[in-house]
């Protein structure tokens, strides 16, 4: 079965960096685009970044452009989110996401807290 497992979250000071990883299994990873979403406290889930199957196309939310970078390693079945210059408003649960044959799959989420 499809599994997405995030890791790498934690507590970081404003201006710091974190790298999230999402390990995928149960499907042919290189055949599918991947995305990162986040859900801040008390708010709705929002798209953060998208990457195409081969990694040639990426898109970002305006709020993270220039600070976050999405990448993937198809040999390791893993997608990454490098987050730099973190701000308190980046505090959220971050989720890995994919869609396969019109079904959506989410990871369990990992907490990122940006606070002094």
Protein backbone atom coordinates (compact mmCIF):
# COMPACT_ATOMS: atom_id res chain seq x y z
CA UNK A 1 0.00 0.00 0.00
CA UNK A 2 1.02 3.60 -0.54
CA UNK A 3 2.93 5.07 2.37
CA UNK A 4 4.39 8.53 2.84
CA UNK A 5 6.50 9.08 5.94
CA UNK A 6 7.76 12.56 6.81
CA UNK A 7 10.72 13.34 9.03
CA UNK A 8 12.97 16.24 9.94
CA UNK A 9 10.60 18.57 11.73
CA UNK A 10 11.32 20.27 15.02
CA UNK A 11 11.83 23.55 16.84
CA UNK A 12 14.02 26.19 15.21
CA UNK A 13 14.74 29.85 15.87
CA UNK A 14 13.65 32.54 13.42
CA UNK A 15 16.15 32.76 10.59
CA UNK A 16 17.13 29.12 10.97
CA UNK A 17 16.86 26.20 8.59
CA UNK A 18 15.33 22.75 8.51
CA UNK A 19 15.15 20.02 5.89
CA UNK A 20 12.08 17.82 5.74
CA UNK A 21 12.17 14.41 4.09
CA UNK A 22 9.32 12.26 2.86
CA UNK A 23 10.06 8.59 2.21
CA UNK A 24 7.60 7.00 -0.21
CA UNK A 25 6.75 3.36 -0.74
CA UNK A 26 4.09 1.18 -2.30
CA UNK A 27 4.10 2.83 -5.73
CA UNK A 28 6.46 3.71 -8.56
CA UNK A 29 7.74 6.96 -7.11
CA UNK A 30 9.33 8.30 -10.28
CA UNK A 31 5.98 8.19 -12.11
CA UNK A 32 4.24 10.76 -9.90
CA UNK A 33 4.48 14.40 -8.98
CA UNK A 34 4.85 15.18 -5.31
CA UNK A 35 3.88 18.14 -3.14
CA UNK A 36 4.34 19.56 0.32
CA UNK A 37 1.41 21.13 2.14
CA UNK A 38 1.22 22.73 5.55
CA UNK A 39 -1.49 23.50 8.08
CA UNK A 40 -0.78 26.37 10.48
CA UNK A 41 -2.54 26.35 13.87
CA UNK A 42 -6.22 27.23 13.46
CA UNK A 43 -5.94 27.60 9.69
CA UNK A 44 -6.67 25.51 6.63
CA UNK A 45 -4.14 23.31 4.90
CA UNK A 46 -2.27 25.09 2.09
CA UNK A 47 0.01 24.08 -0.76
CA UNK A 48 3.65 24.97 -0.13
CA UNK A 49 5.57 23.42 -3.02
CA UNK A 50 5.18 21.07 -5.98
CA UNK A 51 7.66 19.05 -7.97
CA UNK A 52 7.08 17.13 -11.20
CA UNK A 53 7.91 13.46 -11.75
CA UNK A 54 11.46 14.01 -12.95
CA UNK A 55 12.00 17.16 -10.91
CA UNK A 56 12.21 19.49 -13.88
CA UNK A 57 9.26 21.63 -12.82
CA UNK A 58 8.75 23.16 -9.40
CA UNK A 59 6.21 25.63 -8.06
CA UNK A 60 5.99 27.45 -4.75
CA UNK A 61 3.53 29.41 -2.69
CA UNK A 62 4.33 33.12 -2.82
CA UNK A 63 4.94 33.15 0.92
CA UNK A 64 7.90 30.74 0.64
CA UNK A 65 9.44 31.66 -2.71
CA UNK A 66 13.15 32.29 -2.41
CA UNK A 67 13.32 30.60 1.01
CA UNK A 68 12.13 27.02 0.43
CA UNK A 69 13.38 24.50 -2.11
CA UNK A 70 11.64 21.26 -3.06
CA UNK A 71 13.70 18.45 -4.56
CA UNK A 72 13.49 14.71 -5.07
CA UNK A 73 15.75 11.70 -5.36
CA UNK A 74 13.95 9.09 -7.44
CA UNK A 75 16.63 6.50 -6.67
CA UNK A 76 15.81 6.85 -2.97
CA UNK A 77 12.04 7.33 -3.36
CA UNK A 78 12.31 10.49 -1.32
CA UNK A 79 11.16 14.08 -1.68
CA UNK A 80 12.71 16.89 0.33
CA UNK A 81 11.79 20.39 1.45
CA UNK A 82 14.72 22.60 2.35
CA UNK A 83 13.47 25.51 4.43
CA UNK A 84 15.75 28.50 5.01
CA UNK A 85 15.21 31.88 6.65
CA UNK A 86 12.35 30.45 8.65
CA UNK A 87 9.77 32.81 10.13
CA UNK A 88 7.32 32.33 12.99
CA UNK A 89 4.51 32.27 10.42
CA UNK A 90 6.06 29.11 8.93
CA UNK A 91 4.98 27.26 12.09
CA UNK A 92 2.69 24.45 10.95
CA UNK A 93 2.27 20.74 10.51
CA UNK A 94 3.88 19.86 7.17
CA UNK A 95 2.46 17.07 5.01
CA UNK A 96 3.78 15.15 2.05
CA UNK A 97 1.17 14.53 -0.68
CA UNK A 98 0.65 12.69 -3.93
CA UNK A 99 -2.24 11.72 -6.15
CA UNK A 100 -2.39 8.36 -7.91
CA UNK A 101 -5.25 7.35 -10.20
CA UNK A 102 -7.48 10.09 -8.76
CA UNK A 103 -6.83 8.98 -5.18
CA UNK A 104 -5.02 11.27 -2.79
CA UNK A 105 -2.41 10.16 -0.29
CA UNK A 106 -1.02 12.08 2.68
CA UNK A 107 1.75 11.45 5.12
CA UNK A 108 1.13 11.61 8.85
CA UNK A 109 2.59 15.10 9.05
CA UNK A 110 5.49 16.56 10.97
CA UNK A 111 5.51 19.58 13.22
CA UNK A 112 7.68 22.58 12.43
CA UNK A 113 7.79 25.27 15.09
CA UNK A 114 9.65 28.54 14.52
CA UNK A 115 10.10 30.41 17.76
CA UNK A 116 12.70 32.25 19.75
